[in-house]
Amino acid sequence: MAEIIGKYTVELYAQENSISRQSALNKLSGLKKKGFVKVSGGGKQKRIYTLYKRPVREPNGFYSIVNKYAKIKLTPEFEHYIYGRYTVEDAIIDGLKIDNARTKIAVSNLFRHITDWTYLMHKAKGNNLLERLHEYYEYAKKSTKCKRMPKRYMKESIKND
């Protein structure tokens, strides 16, 4: 890629490459589709196009789900890319695996958005995290408003089986 890496407006990019404004827009649009450009601004602000050497992908896994629903936002400690289905239940299991204080607080907000308790319990049992899941759920009940866990998945009923 012969383009100079950095931040540009359309006019500046056209001037640097000595092309018309429309050609610059077309070129930036093509680079954006390939993942070499990120766009910020717009509306009343000027659009800023940031060019990169390599294609840049947005992480779409654990941290994007947690930051969407949690009051406390987490900065990504690692890049997490998911192909296919990734739900709130998967994010809770990943949060149990990380197991630190800020993650515990953020994951407690995810208990409000659970739609499939069976899937969550199956994943927790498969990863030997059932006990920790019940601890997080009790913490979430105390600190936030969350959905009620079905009786068949409660700690007492699991011990009796």
N, C-alpha and C. Protein backbone atom coordinates (compact mmCIF):
# COMPACT_ATOMS: atom_id res chain seq x y z
N MET A 1 0.85 -1.18 0.00
CA MET A 1 0.00 0.00 0.00
C MET A 1 0.89 1.24 0.00
N ALA A 2 0.73 2.09 -0.98
CA ALA A 2 1.59 3.26 -1.15
C ALA A 2 1.10 4.47 -0.37
N GLU A 3 -0.11 4.40 0.21
CA GLU A 3 -0.67 5.53 0.92
C GLU A 3 0.15 5.82 2.18
N ILE A 4 0.15 7.09 2.56
CA ILE A 4 0.85 7.49 3.78
C ILE A 4 -0.09 7.24 4.95
N ILE A 5 0.44 6.58 5.98
CA ILE A 5 -0.34 6.24 7.15
C ILE A 5 -0.55 7.50 7.98
N GLY A 6 -1.78 7.68 8.50
CA GLY A 6 -2.05 8.84 9.34
C GLY A 6 -3.51 9.22 9.31
N LYS A 7 -3.79 10.45 9.76
CA LYS A 7 -5.16 10.95 9.82
C LYS A 7 -5.36 12.01 8.75
N TYR A 8 -6.50 11.92 8.06
CA TYR A 8 -6.79 12.82 6.95
C TYR A 8 -8.25 13.24 6.97
N THR A 9 -8.51 14.42 6.39
CA THR A 9 -9.85 14.75 5.94
C THR A 9 -9.87 14.43 4.45
N VAL A 10 -11.03 14.47 3.82
CA VAL A 10 -11.11 14.15 2.39
C VAL A 10 -10.28 15.14 1.58
N GLU A 11 -10.39 16.41 1.93
CA GLU A 11 -9.68 17.45 1.19
C GLU A 11 -8.17 17.28 1.32
N LEU A 12 -7.71 16.99 2.52
CA LEU A 12 -6.28 16.82 2.75
C LEU A 12 -5.75 15.58 2.02
N TYR A 13 -6.53 14.51 2.03
CA TYR A 13 -6.13 13.29 1.34
C TYR A 13 -6.06 13.53 -0.17
N ALA A 14 -7.03 14.28 -0.71
CA ALA A 14 -7.04 14.59 -2.14
C ALA A 14 -5.83 15.46 -2.51
N GLN A 15 -5.52 16.41 -1.66
CA GLN A 15 -4.39 17.30 -1.92
C GLN A 15 -3.07 16.54 -1.86
N GLU A 16 -2.91 15.65 -0.86
CA GLU A 16 -1.66 14.88 -0.70
C GLU A 16 -1.42 13.96 -1.90
N ASN A 17 -2.49 13.37 -2.43
CA ASN A 17 -2.35 12.43 -3.54
C ASN A 17 -2.60 13.08 -4.89
N SER A 18 -2.82 14.39 -4.89
CA SER A 18 -3.11 15.19 -6.09
C SER A 18 -4.17 14.55 -6.98
N ILE A 19 -5.32 14.30 -6.37
CA ILE A 19 -6.49 13.78 -7.08
C ILE A 19 -7.69 14.64 -6.72
N SER A 20 -8.80 14.45 -7.43
CA SER A 20 -9.99 15.24 -7.12
C SER A 20 -10.64 14.75 -5.83
N ARG A 21 -11.54 15.56 -5.30
CA ARG A 21 -12.22 15.21 -4.04
C ARG A 21 -13.04 13.94 -4.19
N GLN A 22 -13.73 13.79 -5.31
CA GLN A 22 -14.55 12.61 -5.53
C GLN A 22 -13.69 11.35 -5.66
N SER A 23 -12.54 11.47 -6.33
CA SER A 23 -11.63 10.32 -6.43
C SER A 23 -11.09 9.94 -5.06
N ALA A 24 -10.83 10.94 -4.22
CA ALA A 24 -10.35 10.67 -2.86
C ALA A 24 -11.42 9.94 -2.06
N LEU A 25 -12.68 10.38 -2.19
CA LEU A 25 -13.77 9.69 -1.50
C LEU A 25 -13.90 8.24 -1.96
N ASN A 26 -13.81 8.03 -3.27
CA ASN A 26 -13.90 6.67 -3.80
C ASN A 26 -12.77 5.79 -3.29
N LYS A 27 -11.57 6.33 -3.28
CA LYS A 27 -10.40 5.57 -2.83
C LYS A 27 -10.49 5.24 -1.33
N LEU A 28 -10.89 6.25 -0.53
CA LEU A 28 -11.03 6.03 0.91
C LEU A 28 -12.14 5.02 1.20
N SER A 29 -13.22 5.07 0.42
CA SER A 29 -14.31 4.12 0.60
C SER A 29 -13.85 2.70 0.31
N GLY A 30 -13.07 2.53 -0.74
CA GLY A 30 -12.54 1.21 -1.07
C GLY A 30 -11.60 0.69 0.00
N LEU A 31 -10.75 1.56 0.53
CA LEU A 31 -9.82 1.17 1.59
C LEU A 31 -10.58 0.84 2.88
N LYS A 32 -11.68 1.55 3.11
CA LYS A 32 -12.50 1.29 4.30
C LYS A 32 -13.13 -0.09 4.22
N LYS A 33 -13.60 -0.48 3.03
CA LYS A 33 -14.19 -1.80 2.86
C LYS A 33 -13.18 -2.91 3.09
N LYS A 34 -11.93 -2.64 2.74
CA LYS A 34 -10.86 -3.63 2.95
C LYS A 34 -10.36 -3.64 4.39
N GLY A 35 -10.71 -2.63 5.19
CA GLY A 35 -10.34 -2.58 6.59
C GLY A 35 -9.12 -1.74 6.90
N PHE A 36 -8.59 -1.00 5.90
CA PHE A 36 -7.40 -0.19 6.12
C PHE A 36 -7.72 1.19 6.69
N VAL A 37 -9.01 1.56 6.72
CA VAL A 37 -9.40 2.91 7.15
C VAL A 37 -10.48 2.82 8.22
N LYS A 38 -10.32 3.63 9.26
CA LYS A 38 -11.37 3.83 10.27
C LYS A 38 -11.85 5.26 10.15
N VAL A 39 -13.16 5.45 10.27
CA VAL A 39 -13.75 6.77 10.11
C VAL A 39 -14.31 7.24 11.45
N SER A 40 -14.04 8.50 11.77
CA SER A 40 -14.63 9.10 12.96
C SER A 40 -15.15 10.48 12.59
N GLY A 41 -16.04 11.00 13.40
CA GLY A 41 -16.62 12.30 13.12
C GLY A 41 -17.86 12.15 12.26
N GLY A 42 -18.24 13.21 11.60
CA GLY A 42 -19.44 13.21 10.77
C GLY A 42 -20.50 14.09 11.40
N GLY A 43 -21.59 14.28 10.71
CA GLY A 43 -22.62 15.19 11.19
C GLY A 43 -22.14 16.62 11.07
N LYS A 44 -22.10 17.34 12.19
CA LYS A 44 -21.61 18.71 12.18
C LYS A 44 -20.08 18.76 12.17
N GLN A 45 -19.45 17.65 12.56
CA GLN A 45 -17.98 17.60 12.60
C GLN A 45 -17.44 17.17 11.24
N LYS A 46 -16.17 17.48 11.01
CA LYS A 46 -15.49 16.99 9.82
C LYS A 46 -15.21 15.51 10.00
N ARG A 47 -15.32 14.74 8.92
CA ARG A 47 -14.96 13.33 8.98
C ARG A 47 -13.45 13.20 8.96
N ILE A 48 -12.95 12.37 9.88
CA ILE A 48 -11.52 12.10 9.95
C ILE A 48 -11.32 10.65 9.54
N TYR A 49 -10.47 10.45 8.56
CA TYR A 49 -10.15 9.11 8.06
C TYR A 49 -8.76 8.74 8.58
N THR A 50 -8.67 7.65 9.33
CA THR A 50 -7.39 7.19 9.85
C THR A 50 -6.94 5.99 9.03
N LEU A 51 -5.78 6.11 8.38
CA LEU A 51 -5.24 5.04 7.53
C LEU A 51 -4.26 4.20 8.33
N TYR A 52 -4.31 2.88 8.14
CA TYR A 52 -3.42 1.94 8.82
C TYR A 52 -2.66 1.11 7.79
N LYS A 53 -1.52 0.55 8.22
CA LYS A 53 -0.73 -0.31 7.34
C LYS A 53 -1.42 -1.64 7.08
N ARG A 54 -2.01 -2.21 8.14
CA ARG A 54 -2.68 -3.50 8.05
C ARG A 54 -4.16 -3.33 8.31
N PRO A 55 -4.97 -4.23 7.81
CA PRO A 55 -6.41 -4.14 8.11
C PRO A 55 -6.66 -4.23 9.61
N VAL A 56 -7.54 -3.39 10.10
CA VAL A 56 -7.86 -3.34 11.52
C VAL A 56 -9.29 -3.85 11.71
N ARG A 57 -9.45 -4.81 12.61
CA ARG A 57 -10.79 -5.34 12.90
C ARG A 57 -11.24 -4.87 14.27
N GLU A 58 -12.53 -4.68 14.41
CA GLU A 58 -13.11 -4.33 15.70
C GLU A 58 -13.27 -5.59 16.53
N PRO A 59 -12.78 -5.61 17.76
CA PRO A 59 -13.07 -6.76 18.62
C PRO A 59 -14.58 -6.84 18.87
N ASN A 60 -15.14 -8.03 18.77
CA ASN A 60 -16.58 -8.16 18.89
C ASN A 60 -16.98 -9.17 19.94
N GLY A 61 -16.10 -9.47 20.87
CA GLY A 61 -16.38 -10.53 21.81
C GLY A 61 -16.75 -10.04 23.19
N PHE A 62 -16.05 -10.54 24.19
CA PHE A 62 -16.36 -10.32 25.59
C PHE A 62 -16.48 -8.84 25.95
N TYR A 63 -15.47 -8.05 25.62
CA TYR A 63 -15.45 -6.66 26.07
C TYR A 63 -16.53 -5.82 25.40
N SER A 64 -16.88 -6.12 24.17
CA SER A 64 -17.94 -5.34 23.53
C SER A 64 -19.29 -5.63 24.18
N ILE A 65 -19.56 -6.88 24.54
CA ILE A 65 -20.84 -7.22 25.21
C ILE A 65 -20.88 -6.60 26.61
N VAL A 66 -19.79 -6.73 27.35
CA VAL A 66 -19.76 -6.21 28.73
C VAL A 66 -19.90 -4.69 28.72
N ASN A 67 -19.19 -4.02 27.84
CA ASN A 67 -19.25 -2.56 27.81
C ASN A 67 -20.59 -2.05 27.28
N LYS A 68 -21.31 -2.88 26.55
CA LYS A 68 -22.63 -2.50 26.06
C LYS A 68 -23.63 -2.46 27.22
N TYR A 69 -23.57 -3.43 28.14
CA TYR A 69 -24.57 -3.55 29.18
C TYR A 69 -24.13 -3.07 30.56
N ALA A 70 -22.84 -3.05 30.85
CA ALA A 70 -22.38 -2.75 32.20
C ALA A 70 -22.28 -1.25 32.45
N LYS A 71 -22.47 -0.88 33.71
CA LYS A 71 -22.30 0.51 34.09
C LYS A 71 -20.82 0.85 34.20
N ILE A 72 -20.03 -0.11 34.66
CA ILE A 72 -18.58 0.06 34.73
C ILE A 72 -17.98 -0.49 33.45
N LYS A 73 -17.29 0.35 32.70
CA LYS A 73 -16.70 -0.07 31.43
C LYS A 73 -15.33 -0.68 31.69
N LEU A 74 -14.99 -1.68 30.90
CA LEU A 74 -13.70 -2.35 31.03
C LEU A 74 -12.83 -2.03 29.83
N THR A 75 -11.54 -1.78 30.09
CA THR A 75 -10.62 -1.63 28.97
C THR A 75 -10.13 -3.02 28.59
N PRO A 76 -10.08 -3.32 27.31
CA PRO A 76 -9.70 -4.67 26.89
C PRO A 76 -8.28 -5.04 27.30
N GLU A 77 -8.15 -6.18 27.97
CA GLU A 77 -6.83 -6.70 28.32
C GLU A 77 -6.28 -7.55 27.18
N PHE A 78 -7.18 -8.02 26.30
CA PHE A 78 -6.78 -8.81 25.15
C PHE A 78 -7.81 -8.58 24.05
N GLU A 79 -7.41 -8.87 22.81
CA GLU A 79 -8.35 -8.74 21.69
C GLU A 79 -9.12 -10.03 21.57
N HIS A 80 -10.44 -9.90 21.49
CA HIS A 80 -11.31 -11.07 21.48
C HIS A 80 -12.20 -11.00 20.25
N TYR A 81 -11.96 -11.88 19.29
CA TYR A 81 -12.74 -11.93 18.07
C TYR A 81 -13.60 -13.18 18.08
N ILE A 82 -14.84 -13.03 17.68
CA ILE A 82 -15.78 -14.14 17.66
C ILE A 82 -16.33 -14.31 16.26
N TYR A 83 -16.40 -15.55 15.82
CA TYR A 83 -17.08 -15.88 14.57
C TYR A 83 -18.33 -16.65 14.94
N GLY A 84 -19.46 -16.19 14.49
CA GLY A 84 -20.71 -16.86 14.82
C GLY A 84 -21.40 -16.23 16.00
N ARG A 85 -22.16 -17.04 16.72
CA ARG A 85 -23.01 -16.56 17.79
C ARG A 85 -22.22 -16.37 19.09
N TYR A 86 -22.35 -15.21 19.69
CA TYR A 86 -21.75 -14.93 21.00
C TYR A 86 -22.77 -14.14 21.79
N THR A 87 -23.25 -14.73 22.88
CA THR A 87 -24.36 -14.15 23.62
C THR A 87 -23.91 -13.64 24.98
N VAL A 88 -24.86 -13.09 25.71
CA VAL A 88 -24.61 -12.62 27.07
C VAL A 88 -24.17 -13.79 27.95
N GLU A 89 -24.76 -14.96 27.73
CA GLU A 89 -24.41 -16.15 28.51
C GLU A 89 -22.95 -16.53 28.30
N ASP A 90 -22.47 -16.45 27.06
CA ASP A 90 -21.06 -16.73 26.77
C ASP A 90 -20.15 -15.70 27.46
N ALA A 91 -20.58 -14.44 27.47
CA ALA A 91 -19.80 -13.39 28.11
C ALA A 91 -19.72 -13.61 29.62
N ILE A 92 -20.79 -14.10 30.22
CA ILE A 92 -20.75 -14.39 31.67
C ILE A 92 -19.74 -15.49 31.96
N ILE A 93 -19.73 -16.54 31.15
CA ILE A 93 -18.77 -17.63 31.35
C ILE A 93 -17.34 -17.12 31.18
N ASP A 94 -17.08 -16.29 30.17
CA ASP A 94 -15.74 -15.73 29.99
C ASP A 94 -15.36 -14.82 31.15
N GLY A 95 -16.33 -14.08 31.69
CA GLY A 95 -16.08 -13.24 32.85
C GLY A 95 -15.74 -14.06 34.09
N LEU A 96 -16.37 -15.22 34.24
CA LEU A 96 -16.05 -16.12 35.35
C LEU A 96 -14.63 -16.63 35.23
N LYS A 97 -14.18 -16.87 34.01
CA LYS A 97 -12.82 -17.36 33.78
C LYS A 97 -11.78 -16.29 34.09
N ILE A 98 -12.10 -15.02 33.77
CA ILE A 98 -11.15 -13.92 34.03
C ILE A 98 -11.03 -13.69 35.53
N ASP A 99 -12.15 -13.59 36.22
CA ASP A 99 -12.22 -13.54 37.69
C ASP A 99 -11.31 -12.50 38.34
N ASN A 100 -11.60 -11.21 38.11
CA ASN A 100 -10.99 -10.16 38.93
C ASN A 100 -12.10 -9.21 39.39
N ALA A 101 -11.78 -8.26 40.24
CA ALA A 101 -12.80 -7.46 40.91
C ALA A 101 -13.64 -6.63 39.94
N ARG A 102 -12.99 -5.91 39.03
CA ARG A 102 -13.74 -5.06 38.08
C ARG A 102 -14.60 -5.90 37.16
N THR A 103 -14.08 -7.04 36.74
CA THR A 103 -14.85 -7.92 35.87
C THR A 103 -16.06 -8.46 36.60
N LYS A 104 -15.90 -8.77 37.89
CA LYS A 104 -17.02 -9.29 38.68
C LYS A 104 -18.16 -8.27 38.75
N ILE A 105 -17.81 -7.02 38.95
CA ILE A 105 -18.82 -5.96 39.01
C ILE A 105 -19.50 -5.79 37.65
N ALA A 106 -18.70 -5.81 36.58
CA ALA A 106 -19.26 -5.63 35.24
C ALA A 106 -20.13 -6.81 34.84
N VAL A 107 -19.70 -8.03 35.16
CA VAL A 107 -20.46 -9.22 34.79
C VAL A 107 -21.76 -9.29 35.58
N SER A 108 -21.79 -8.74 36.78
CA SER A 108 -23.02 -8.77 37.57
C SER A 108 -24.16 -8.03 36.86
N ASN A 109 -23.84 -7.05 36.02
CA ASN A 109 -24.86 -6.35 35.26
C ASN A 109 -25.41 -7.19 34.11
N LEU A 110 -24.67 -8.21 33.69
CA LEU A 110 -25.12 -9.05 32.58
C LEU A 110 -26.24 -9.99 33.01
N PHE A 111 -26.40 -10.24 34.30
CA PHE A 111 -27.44 -11.15 34.76
C PHE A 111 -28.84 -10.59 34.49
N ARG A 112 -28.96 -9.30 34.19
CA ARG A 112 -30.25 -8.71 33.83
C ARG A 112 -30.68 -9.11 32.43
N HIS A 113 -29.75 -9.55 31.61
CA HIS A 113 -30.02 -9.75 30.19
C HIS A 113 -29.96 -11.21 29.76
N ILE A 114 -29.99 -12.13 30.69
CA ILE A 114 -29.95 -13.55 30.36
C ILE A 114 -31.28 -13.97 29.75
N THR A 115 -31.20 -14.68 28.64
CA THR A 115 -32.41 -15.20 28.01
C THR A 115 -32.48 -16.72 28.05
N ASP A 116 -31.34 -17.39 28.18
CA ASP A 116 -31.30 -18.85 28.11
C ASP A 116 -30.53 -19.41 29.31
N TRP A 117 -31.24 -19.67 30.40
CA TRP A 117 -30.60 -20.20 31.62
C TRP A 117 -30.04 -21.60 31.39
N THR A 118 -30.72 -22.39 30.58
CA THR A 118 -30.26 -23.76 30.32
C THR A 118 -28.89 -23.74 29.65
N TYR A 119 -28.72 -22.88 28.66
CA TYR A 119 -27.44 -22.76 27.97
C TYR A 119 -26.35 -22.30 28.93
N LEU A 120 -26.68 -21.32 29.78
CA LEU A 120 -25.70 -20.81 30.74
C LEU A 120 -25.26 -21.90 31.71
N MET A 121 -26.20 -22.64 32.24
CA MET A 121 -25.86 -23.71 33.19
C MET A 121 -25.06 -24.83 32.51
N HIS A 122 -25.42 -25.16 31.29
CA HIS A 122 -24.69 -26.18 30.55
C HIS A 122 -23.24 -25.77 30.33
N LYS A 123 -23.03 -24.51 29.93
CA LYS A 123 -21.67 -24.00 29.71
C LYS A 123 -20.88 -23.94 31.03
N ALA A 124 -21.54 -23.52 32.12
CA ALA A 124 -20.87 -23.43 33.41
C ALA A 124 -20.47 -24.82 33.90
N LYS A 125 -21.36 -25.78 33.74
CA LYS A 125 -21.06 -27.14 34.17
C LYS A 125 -19.93 -27.73 33.33
N GLY A 126 -19.91 -27.45 32.04
CA GLY A 126 -18.86 -27.95 31.15
C GLY A 126 -17.50 -27.37 31.46
N ASN A 127 -17.46 -26.15 32.01
CA ASN A 127 -16.19 -25.50 32.35
C ASN A 127 -15.87 -25.58 33.84
N ASN A 128 -16.63 -26.37 34.60
CA ASN A 128 -16.46 -26.51 36.05
C ASN A 128 -16.51 -25.17 36.77
N LEU A 129 -17.47 -24.34 36.38
CA LEU A 129 -17.62 -23.00 36.96
C LEU A 129 -18.98 -22.82 37.64
N LEU A 130 -19.66 -23.92 37.94
CA LEU A 130 -21.00 -23.84 38.49
C LEU A 130 -21.02 -23.15 39.85
N GLU A 131 -20.06 -23.50 40.70
CA GLU A 131 -19.99 -22.89 42.04
C GLU A 131 -19.73 -21.39 41.95
N ARG A 132 -18.80 -21.00 41.08
CA ARG A 132 -18.47 -19.59 40.93
C ARG A 132 -19.65 -18.83 40.30
N LEU A 133 -20.39 -19.48 39.40
CA LEU A 133 -21.56 -18.86 38.80
C LEU A 133 -22.60 -18.52 39.87
N HIS A 134 -22.80 -19.44 40.81
CA HIS A 134 -23.76 -19.17 41.89
C HIS A 134 -23.27 -18.03 42.78
N GLU A 135 -21.95 -17.94 43.02
CA GLU A 135 -21.40 -16.83 43.81
C GLU A 135 -21.64 -15.50 43.10
N TYR A 136 -21.36 -15.45 41.81
CA TYR A 136 -21.57 -14.23 41.04
C TYR A 136 -23.04 -13.85 41.01
N TYR A 137 -23.91 -14.85 40.90
CA TYR A 137 -25.35 -14.57 40.86
C TYR A 137 -25.82 -13.98 42.19
N GLU A 138 -25.35 -14.54 43.31
CA GLU A 138 -25.71 -13.99 44.63
C GLU A 138 -25.21 -12.56 44.78
N TYR A 139 -23.98 -12.31 44.29
CA TYR A 139 -23.43 -10.96 44.33
C TYR A 139 -24.28 -10.02 43.48
N ALA A 140 -24.68 -10.49 42.30
CA ALA A 140 -25.49 -9.66 41.39
C ALA A 140 -26.85 -9.35 42.00
N LYS A 141 -27.45 -10.31 42.69
CA LYS A 141 -28.74 -10.08 43.32
C LYS A 141 -28.65 -8.98 44.38
N LYS A 142 -27.54 -8.93 45.10
CA LYS A 142 -27.37 -7.92 46.14
C LYS A 142 -27.09 -6.53 45.56
N SER A 143 -26.31 -6.49 44.48
CA SER A 143 -25.85 -5.18 43.99
C SER A 143 -26.72 -4.59 42.89
N THR A 144 -27.37 -5.43 42.06
CA THR A 144 -28.19 -4.90 40.96
C THR A 144 -29.52 -5.63 40.90
N LYS A 145 -30.40 -5.09 40.11
CA LYS A 145 -31.66 -5.76 39.84
C LYS A 145 -31.40 -6.76 38.72
N CYS A 146 -31.71 -8.04 38.95
CA CYS A 146 -31.42 -9.05 37.92
C CYS A 146 -32.56 -10.05 37.82
N LYS A 147 -32.53 -10.81 36.74
CA LYS A 147 -33.58 -11.81 36.51
C LYS A 147 -33.43 -12.95 37.51
N ARG A 148 -34.55 -13.52 37.88
CA ARG A 148 -34.56 -14.62 38.85
C ARG A 148 -34.11 -15.91 38.18
N MET A 149 -33.21 -16.61 38.87
CA MET A 149 -32.74 -17.90 38.38
C MET A 149 -33.83 -18.94 38.61
N PRO A 150 -34.15 -19.77 37.62
CA PRO A 150 -35.17 -20.80 37.83
C PRO A 150 -34.80 -21.73 38.98
N LYS A 151 -35.81 -22.23 39.70
CA LYS A 151 -35.57 -23.03 40.90
C LYS A 151 -34.75 -24.28 40.63
N ARG A 152 -34.91 -24.88 39.45
CA ARG A 152 -34.19 -26.12 39.16
C ARG A 152 -32.68 -25.90 39.03
N TYR A 153 -32.25 -24.64 38.87
CA TYR A 153 -30.83 -24.33 38.75
C TYR A 153 -30.25 -23.74 40.03
N MET A 154 -31.08 -23.57 41.06
CA MET A 154 -30.59 -23.02 42.31
C MET A 154 -29.58 -23.96 42.95
N LYS A 155 -28.73 -23.41 43.79
CA LYS A 155 -27.66 -24.16 44.43
C LYS A 155 -28.19 -25.37 45.19
N GLU A 156 -29.26 -25.20 45.94
CA GLU A 156 -29.79 -26.27 46.78
C GLU A 156 -30.33 -27.43 45.94
N SER A 157 -31.05 -27.11 44.85
CA SER A 157 -31.64 -28.16 44.04
C SER A 157 -30.59 -28.94 43.25
N ILE A 158 -29.47 -28.30 42.92
CA ILE A 158 -28.40 -29.01 42.22
C ILE A 158 -27.71 -29.98 43.15
N LYS A 159 -27.53 -29.60 44.44
CA LYS A 159 -26.88 -30.49 45.41
C LYS A 159 -27.72 -31.73 45.68
N ASN A 160 -29.04 -31.59 45.62
CA ASN A 160 -29.92 -32.73 45.92
C ASN A 160 -29.93 -33.77 44.80
N ASP A 161 -29.54 -33.40 43.59
CA ASP A 161 -29.57 -34.34 42.46
C ASP A 161 -28.46 -35.36 42.52
